[in-house]
Protein backbone atom coordinates (compact mmCIF):
# COMPACT_ATOMS: atom_id res chain seq x y z
CA UNK A 1 50.44 126.32 95.28
CA UNK A 2 49.82 129.82 93.78
CA UNK A 3 53.60 130.54 93.72
CA UNK A 4 54.11 127.32 91.80
CA UNK A 5 51.35 128.40 89.43
CA UNK A 6 52.98 131.83 88.99
CA UNK A 7 56.28 130.19 88.03
CA UNK A 8 54.50 128.05 85.40
CA UNK A 9 52.59 131.04 84.01
CA UNK A 10 55.53 133.46 84.03
CA UNK A 11 57.11 132.49 80.68
CA UNK A 12 53.72 132.62 78.94
CA UNK A 13 52.79 135.98 80.43
CA UNK A 14 56.29 137.40 79.84
CA UNK A 15 56.06 136.45 76.15
CA UNK A 16 52.66 138.18 75.76
CA UNK A 17 53.88 141.29 77.59
CA UNK A 18 57.14 141.32 75.59
CA UNK A 19 55.23 141.01 72.30
CA UNK A 20 53.41 144.21 73.26
CA UNK A 21 56.79 145.94 73.70
CA UNK A 22 56.93 145.95 77.50
CA UNK A 23 58.71 144.14 80.33
CA UNK A 24 57.08 141.85 82.87
CA UNK A 25 58.13 143.36 86.18
CA UNK A 26 56.27 140.97 88.47
CA UNK A 27 53.68 138.20 88.38
CA UNK A 28 51.75 137.08 91.42
CA UNK A 29 48.96 134.55 91.79
CA UNK A 30 46.87 134.43 94.95
CA UNK A 31 43.78 132.55 95.98
CA UNK A 32 40.86 134.97 96.43
CA UNK A 33 37.87 132.95 97.61
CA UNK A 34 36.89 130.55 94.84
CA UNK A 35 38.83 132.51 92.24
CA UNK A 36 42.49 133.15 91.71
CA UNK A 37 43.84 136.69 91.45
CA UNK A 38 46.51 136.96 88.76
CA UNK A 39 48.38 140.25 89.23
CA UNK A 40 50.67 141.31 86.38
CA UNK A 41 52.99 144.31 86.81
CA UNK A 42 54.39 145.69 83.54
CA UNK A 43 56.81 148.48 82.73
CA UNK A 44 58.27 150.13 79.65
CA UNK A 45 61.14 152.43 78.79
CA UNK A 46 58.76 155.39 78.80
CA UNK A 47 56.37 154.02 81.42
CA UNK A 48 52.98 152.55 80.58
CA UNK A 49 49.87 154.48 79.61
CA UNK A 50 46.31 153.45 80.43
CA UNK A 51 45.47 152.45 76.84
CA UNK A 52 48.60 150.31 76.73
CA UNK A 53 47.63 148.59 80.00
CA UNK A 54 44.27 147.72 78.42
CA UNK A 55 46.00 146.26 75.33
CA UNK A 56 48.39 144.24 77.49
CA UNK A 57 45.48 143.03 79.62
CA UNK A 58 43.69 141.69 76.53
CA UNK A 59 46.86 139.96 75.31
CA UNK A 60 47.58 138.36 78.70
CA UNK A 61 43.92 137.33 79.08
CA UNK A 62 44.05 135.57 75.70
CA UNK A 63 47.19 133.67 76.73
CA UNK A 64 45.67 132.66 80.06
CA UNK A 65 42.50 131.49 78.32
CA UNK A 66 44.63 129.39 75.91
CA UNK A 67 46.27 127.76 78.94
CA UNK A 68 43.22 127.55 81.19
CA UNK A 69 44.23 124.00 82.20
CA UNK A 70 47.09 125.56 84.21
CA UNK A 71 44.81 127.86 86.21
CA UNK A 72 42.08 125.22 86.59
CA UNK A 73 39.21 127.50 87.49
CA UNK A 74 38.00 131.06 87.51
CA UNK A 75 40.46 133.91 87.81
CA UNK A 76 40.57 137.68 87.99
CA UNK A 77 43.28 139.39 86.00
CA UNK A 78 44.81 142.65 87.22
CA UNK A 79 47.36 144.38 84.99
CA UNK A 80 49.11 147.42 86.41
CA UNK A 81 52.29 149.45 86.21
CA UNK A 82 54.75 149.61 89.11
CA UNK A 83 54.07 152.18 91.80
CA UNK A 84 56.51 154.83 92.92
CA UNK A 85 57.31 152.74 95.98
CA UNK A 86 58.75 149.91 93.88
CA UNK A 87 62.37 149.36 94.88
CA UNK A 88 64.97 149.86 92.17
CA UNK A 89 66.40 146.35 91.94
CA UNK A 90 67.40 145.90 88.30
CA UNK A 91 69.54 147.96 85.91
CA UNK A 92 66.46 148.76 83.82
CA UNK A 93 64.74 150.24 86.90
CA UNK A 94 67.68 152.60 87.33
CA UNK A 95 67.68 153.50 83.59
CA UNK A 96 63.99 154.37 83.80
CA UNK A 97 64.60 156.49 86.90
CA UNK A 98 67.14 158.69 85.09
CA UNK A 99 67.09 162.28 86.40
CA UNK A 100 64.77 161.31 89.26
CA UNK A 101 65.62 161.71 92.94
CA UNK A 102 66.14 158.43 94.75
CA UNK A 103 66.52 157.56 98.40
CA UNK A 104 69.39 155.08 98.68
CA UNK A 105 70.02 152.83 101.67
CA UNK A 106 73.48 151.33 101.15
CA UNK A 107 74.59 147.98 102.51
CA UNK A 108 76.96 149.97 104.72
CA UNK A 109 76.56 153.53 105.94
CA UNK A 110 73.70 156.00 106.18
CA UNK A 111 70.87 156.57 103.73
CA UNK A 112 71.11 159.51 101.35
CA UNK A 113 69.20 161.13 98.50
CA UNK A 114 70.70 161.59 95.05
CA UNK A 115 69.71 162.20 91.44
CA UNK A 116 70.11 159.30 89.00
CA UNK A 117 72.40 159.69 86.01
CA UNK A 118 73.60 157.14 83.48
CA UNK A 119 72.98 153.51 84.42
CA UNK A 120 75.11 150.58 83.31
CA UNK A 121 74.79 146.84 83.93
CA UNK A 122 76.58 146.83 87.32
CA UNK A 123 76.45 150.43 88.51
CA UNK A 124 74.82 153.82 88.15
CA UNK A 125 76.13 157.37 88.25
CA UNK A 126 74.36 159.38 90.91
CA UNK A 127 74.58 163.07 91.86
CA UNK A 128 74.80 163.53 95.62
CA UNK A 129 75.38 166.96 97.17
CA UNK A 130 76.77 168.34 93.89
CA UNK A 131 79.19 165.44 93.42
CA UNK A 132 78.81 162.59 90.91
CA UNK A 133 79.52 159.13 92.30
CA UNK A 134 79.56 155.60 90.97
CA UNK A 135 77.12 153.42 92.88
CA UNK A 136 77.42 149.67 92.43
CA UNK A 137 74.04 147.91 92.57
CA UNK A 138 75.63 145.26 94.77
CA UNK A 139 76.27 147.97 97.39
CA UNK A 140 72.58 148.98 97.59
CA UNK A 141 70.35 147.50 100.27
CA UNK A 142 67.30 149.46 99.06
CA UNK A 143 66.58 152.34 96.69
CA UNK A 144 63.24 153.99 95.90
CA UNK A 145 62.21 157.00 93.82
CA UNK A 146 61.40 160.15 95.79
CA UNK A 147 58.31 162.11 94.80
CA UNK A 148 59.12 165.58 93.45
CA UNK A 149 56.49 168.24 92.94
CA UNK A 150 58.62 170.57 90.83
CA UNK A 151 61.03 170.30 87.93
CA UNK A 152 64.56 169.15 88.77
CA UNK A 153 67.15 171.95 88.92
CA UNK A 154 68.52 172.62 85.42
CA UNK A 155 72.13 172.73 86.67
CA UNK A 156 71.81 169.19 88.08
CA UNK A 157 70.40 167.87 84.81
CA UNK A 158 73.18 169.60 82.82
CA UNK A 159 75.83 168.08 85.09
CA UNK A 160 74.37 164.58 84.70
CA UNK A 161 74.07 165.01 80.90
CA UNK A 162 77.68 166.18 80.71
CA UNK A 163 78.77 163.24 82.84
CA UNK A 164 76.91 160.78 80.60
CA UNK A 165 78.60 162.23 77.51
CA UNK A 166 82.02 162.08 79.18
CA UNK A 167 82.41 165.84 79.41
CA UNK A 168 82.01 168.06 82.46
CA UNK A 169 81.36 171.79 82.18
CA UNK A 170 83.91 173.34 79.81
CA UNK A 171 84.52 170.14 77.86
CA UNK A 172 87.05 168.54 80.18
CA UNK A 173 86.81 164.80 80.54
CA UNK A 174 84.63 163.44 83.34
CA UNK A 175 86.68 161.77 86.02
CA UNK A 176 85.82 158.31 87.29
CA UNK A 177 85.12 158.10 90.99
CA UNK A 178 84.79 154.95 92.97
CA UNK A 179 82.88 155.05 96.22
């Protein structure tokens, strides 16, 4: 029943979150004793700050109160941003992870770590062992951001920037690789 409720609430919550300038990443409704727990995960191009979470929470709460007949009872609302362990499953996740290290488990082959470059609708450019590759999302079983405690190497960032602009190093055109 809560999953059915989540699917009915999703368009309403997504509209409220979108009006605040953010994306609804996930919506979950669970029974928690006599109350329902409505968990809303939001994300933005530049992440989400604490004050913004509070604003989104007020907006979503107002929408839920307007449609209280759907929830039919008391609820607790939890609005949060995605954690680092959230898998990269959509093109926007990859765009927001630009220049971050990711651990990629491909559908075939061994896992590897690479740095995210430019992301398109069906694939992303990724720097692995000094080499830029095209990675199709369809070829990824799982990908998660790796925690880094220091700044990324400047040479890696320069290479990814040059690749995104179509120029590598001395201005020569970037070559397309398919892997």
